[in-house]
C-alpha atoms as a PDB file:
ATOM      1  CA  MET A   1       0.000   0.000   0.000  1.00  0.00           C
ATOM      2  CA  ARG A   2       1.189   3.561  -0.702  1.00  0.00           C
ATOM      3  CA  CYS A   3       1.083   6.553   1.657  1.00  0.00           C
ATOM      4  CA  PRO A   4      -1.569   9.125   0.676  1.00  0.00           C
ATOM      5  CA  PHE A   5       0.943  11.962   1.116  1.00  0.00           C
ATOM      6  CA  CYS A   6       4.149  10.592  -0.460  1.00  0.00           C
ATOM      7  CA  GLU A   7       5.623   7.581  -2.263  1.00  0.00           C
ATOM      8  CA  GLN A   8       6.369   5.587   0.922  1.00  0.00           C
ATOM      9  CA  THR A   9       4.976   2.060   0.754  1.00  0.00           C
ATOM     10  CA  GLY A  10       4.349  -0.567   3.383  1.00  0.00           C
ATOM     11  CA  SER A  11       1.699  -2.445   5.268  1.00  0.00           C
ATOM     12  CA  ARG A  12      -1.244  -0.575   6.733  1.00  0.00           C
ATOM     13  CA  SER A  13       0.362  -0.526  10.197  1.00  0.00           C
ATOM     14  CA  GLU A  14       3.710   0.630   8.782  1.00  0.00           C
ATOM     15  CA  LEU A  15       2.013   3.455   6.875  1.00  0.00           C
ATOM     16  CA  HIS A  16       0.007   4.415   9.933  1.00  0.00           C
ATOM     17  CA  ALA A  17       3.218   4.889  11.950  1.00  0.00           C
ATOM     18  CA  HIS A  18       4.911   6.638   9.010  1.00  0.00           C
ATOM     19  CA  MET A  19       2.061   9.140   8.637  1.00  0.00           C
ATOM     20  CA  VAL A  20       2.095  10.017  12.350  1.00  0.00           C
ATOM     21  CA  ASP A  21       5.864  10.588  12.218  1.00  0.00           C
ATOM     22  CA  ALA A  22       6.308  12.209   8.799  1.00  0.00           C
ATOM     23  CA  HIS A  23       3.030  13.959   7.981  1.00  0.00           C
ATOM     24  CA  GLN A  24       1.987  15.695  11.192  1.00  0.00           C
ATOM     25  CA  ASP A  25       0.903  18.705   9.156  1.00  0.00           C
ATOM     26  CA  GLY A  26      -1.660  16.536   7.326  1.00  0.00           C
ATOM     27  CA  LEU A  27      -3.997  16.868  10.299  1.00  0.00           C
ATOM     28  CA  SER A  28      -4.978  20.130  11.942  1.00  0.00           C
ATOM     29  CA  THR A  29      -6.864  20.922  15.128  1.00  0.00           C
ATOM     30  CA  ARG A  30      -9.163  23.856  15.660  1.00  0.00           C
ATOM     31  CA  ARG A  31     -11.420  25.301  18.315  1.00  0.00           C
ATOM     32  CA  GLU A  32     -15.051  26.352  17.872  1.00  0.00           C
ATOM     33  CA  GLY A  33     -16.333  27.829  21.096  1.00  0.00           C
ATOM     34  CA  ASP A  34     -15.777  25.198  23.767  1.00  0.00           C
ATOM     35  CA  GLN A  35     -15.322  22.354  21.284  1.00  0.00           C
ATOM     36  CA  MET A  36     -12.088  21.125  19.685  1.00  0.00           C
ATOM     37  CA  PHE A  37     -11.980  19.337  16.325  1.00  0.00           C
ATOM     38  CA  PHE A  38      -9.445  17.724  14.064  1.00  0.00           C
ATOM     39  CA  ASP A  39      -9.631  18.118  10.304  1.00  0.00           C
ATOM     40  CA  LEU A  40      -7.900  16.252   7.522  1.00  0.00           C
ATOM     41  CA  ASN A  41      -8.434  15.966   3.807  1.00  0.00           C
ATOM     42  CA  CYS A  42      -7.889  13.169   1.358  1.00  0.00           C
ATOM     43  CA  PRO A  43      -5.050  14.322  -0.913  1.00  0.00           C
ATOM     44  CA  LEU A  44      -6.687  12.584  -3.884  1.00  0.00           C
ATOM     45  CA  CYS A  45     -10.341  13.563  -3.710  1.00  0.00           C
ATOM     46  CA  SER A  46     -12.384  16.346  -2.199  1.00  0.00           C
ATOM     47  CA  GLU A  47     -13.605  14.262   0.739  1.00  0.00           C
ATOM     48  CA  GLY A  48     -12.495  15.620   4.073  1.00  0.00           C
ATOM     49  CA  MET A  49     -13.010  14.444   7.612  1.00  0.00           C
ATOM     50  CA  THR A  50     -13.819  16.426  10.716  1.00  0.00           C
ATOM     51  CA  ARG A  51     -14.231  14.832  14.115  1.00  0.00           C
ATOM     52  CA  GLU A  52     -14.698  16.296  17.551  1.00  0.00           C
ATOM     53  CA  VAL A  53     -11.832  15.578  19.900  1.00  0.00           C
ATOM     54  CA  ASN A  54     -12.808  13.820  23.107  1.00  0.00           C
ATOM     55  CA  PRO A  55     -14.732  16.267  25.303  1.00  0.00           C
ATOM     56  CA  ARG A  56     -11.694  16.466  27.577  1.00  0.00           C
ATOM     57  CA  GLY A  57     -10.061  17.989  24.513  1.00  0.00           C
ATOM     58  CA  ARG A  58     -11.527  21.337  25.496  1.00  0.00           C
ATOM     59  CA  ASP A  59      -8.347  21.863  27.472  1.00  0.00           C
ATOM     60  CA  GLN A  60      -5.410  23.005  25.298  1.00  0.00           C
ATOM     61  CA  ALA A  61      -3.008  21.092  27.565  1.00  0.00           C
ATOM     62  CA  PHE A  62      -4.923  17.896  26.712  1.00  0.00           C
ATOM     63  CA  LEU A  63      -4.493  18.563  22.991  1.00  0.00           C
ATOM     64  CA  ASP A  64      -0.772  19.228  23.428  1.00  0.00           C
ATOM     65  CA  LYS A  65      -0.229  16.146  25.597  1.00  0.00           C
ATOM     66  CA  PHE A  66      -2.183  13.796  23.325  1.00  0.00           C
ATOM     67  CA  ALA A  67      -1.350  15.311  19.906  1.00  0.00           C
ATOM     68  CA  ASP A  68       0.182  12.075  18.565  1.00  0.00           C
ATOM     69  CA  GLU A  69      -2.780  10.005  19.725  1.00  0.00           C
ATOM     70  CA  ILE A  70      -5.186  12.440  18.057  1.00  0.00           C
ATOM     71  CA  ARG A  71      -3.159  12.128  14.835  1.00  0.00           C
ATOM     72  CA  MET A  72      -3.240   8.321  15.090  1.00  0.00           C
ATOM     73  CA  VAL A  73      -7.043   8.356  15.230  1.00  0.00           C
ATOM     74  CA  GLY A  74      -7.323  10.801  12.342  1.00  0.00           C
ATOM     75  CA  PHE A  75      -4.816   9.006  10.120  1.00  0.00           C
ATOM     76  CA  ASP A  76      -6.493   5.672  10.875  1.00  0.00           C
ATOM     77  CA  LEU A  77      -9.769   7.094   9.531  1.00  0.00           C
ATOM     78  CA  LEU A  78      -7.948   8.481   6.504  1.00  0.00           C
ATOM     79  CA  LEU A  79      -6.376   5.085   5.748  1.00  0.00           C
ATOM     80  CA  TYR A  80      -9.809   3.424   5.749  1.00  0.00           C
ATOM     81  CA  HIS A  81     -10.946   6.030   3.214  1.00  0.00           C
ATOM     82  CA  TRP A  82      -7.653   5.834   1.261  1.00  0.00           C
ATOM     83  CA  GLU A  83      -8.026   2.068   0.816  1.00  0.00           C
ATOM     84  CA  THR A  84     -11.115   2.720  -1.336  1.00  0.00           C
ATOM     85  CA  HIS A  85      -8.939   4.485  -3.943  1.00  0.00           C
ATOM     86  CA  GLN A  86      -7.188   2.337  -6.537  1.00  0.00           C
ATOM     87  CA  GLU A  87      -4.138   4.635  -6.225  1.00  0.00           C
ATOM     88  CA  SER A  88      -3.605   3.404  -2.659  1.00  0.00           C
ATOM     89  CA  GLY A  89      -2.332   0.068  -3.924  1.00  0.00           C
ATOM     90  CA  ALA A  90      -4.370  -1.632  -1.190  1.00  0.00           C
ATOM     91  CA  PRO A  91      -5.169  -5.271  -1.913  1.00  0.00           C
ATOM     92  CA  VAL A  92      -8.680  -5.790  -3.268  1.00  0.00           C
ATOM     93  CA  ASP A  93     -10.892  -8.207  -1.354  1.00  0.00           C
ATOM     94  CA  ALA A  94     -12.236 -10.403  -4.170  1.00  0.00           C
ATOM     95  CA  GLU A  95     -15.046 -11.719  -1.950  1.00  0.00           C
ATOM     96  CA  ALA A  96     -16.352  -8.172  -1.454  1.00  0.00           C
ATOM     97  CA  LEU A  97     -16.724  -7.566  -5.194  1.00  0.00           C
ATOM     98  CA  PRO A  98     -20.142  -8.093  -6.820  1.00  0.00           C
END
């Protein structure tokens, strides 16, 4: 499988770790009132993802302390989406095809 952000290849778990280490800027956090969110976009299509950070995420210190964990969750969601694109190089499950 290929990384959505660069030419790195590897297993899903290898890419997950790679993305957290090498593509931290691929996920951003933002505040809306008392709520905190993370946003990330698929680099191939226009589909983006926004999720609220755990309600404890209202504290900036929480976001700073758990930034890598927040990225892991976001990049995990992106990899599930990325696997639907042929460009990902993800293996196709023949049993799932019609």
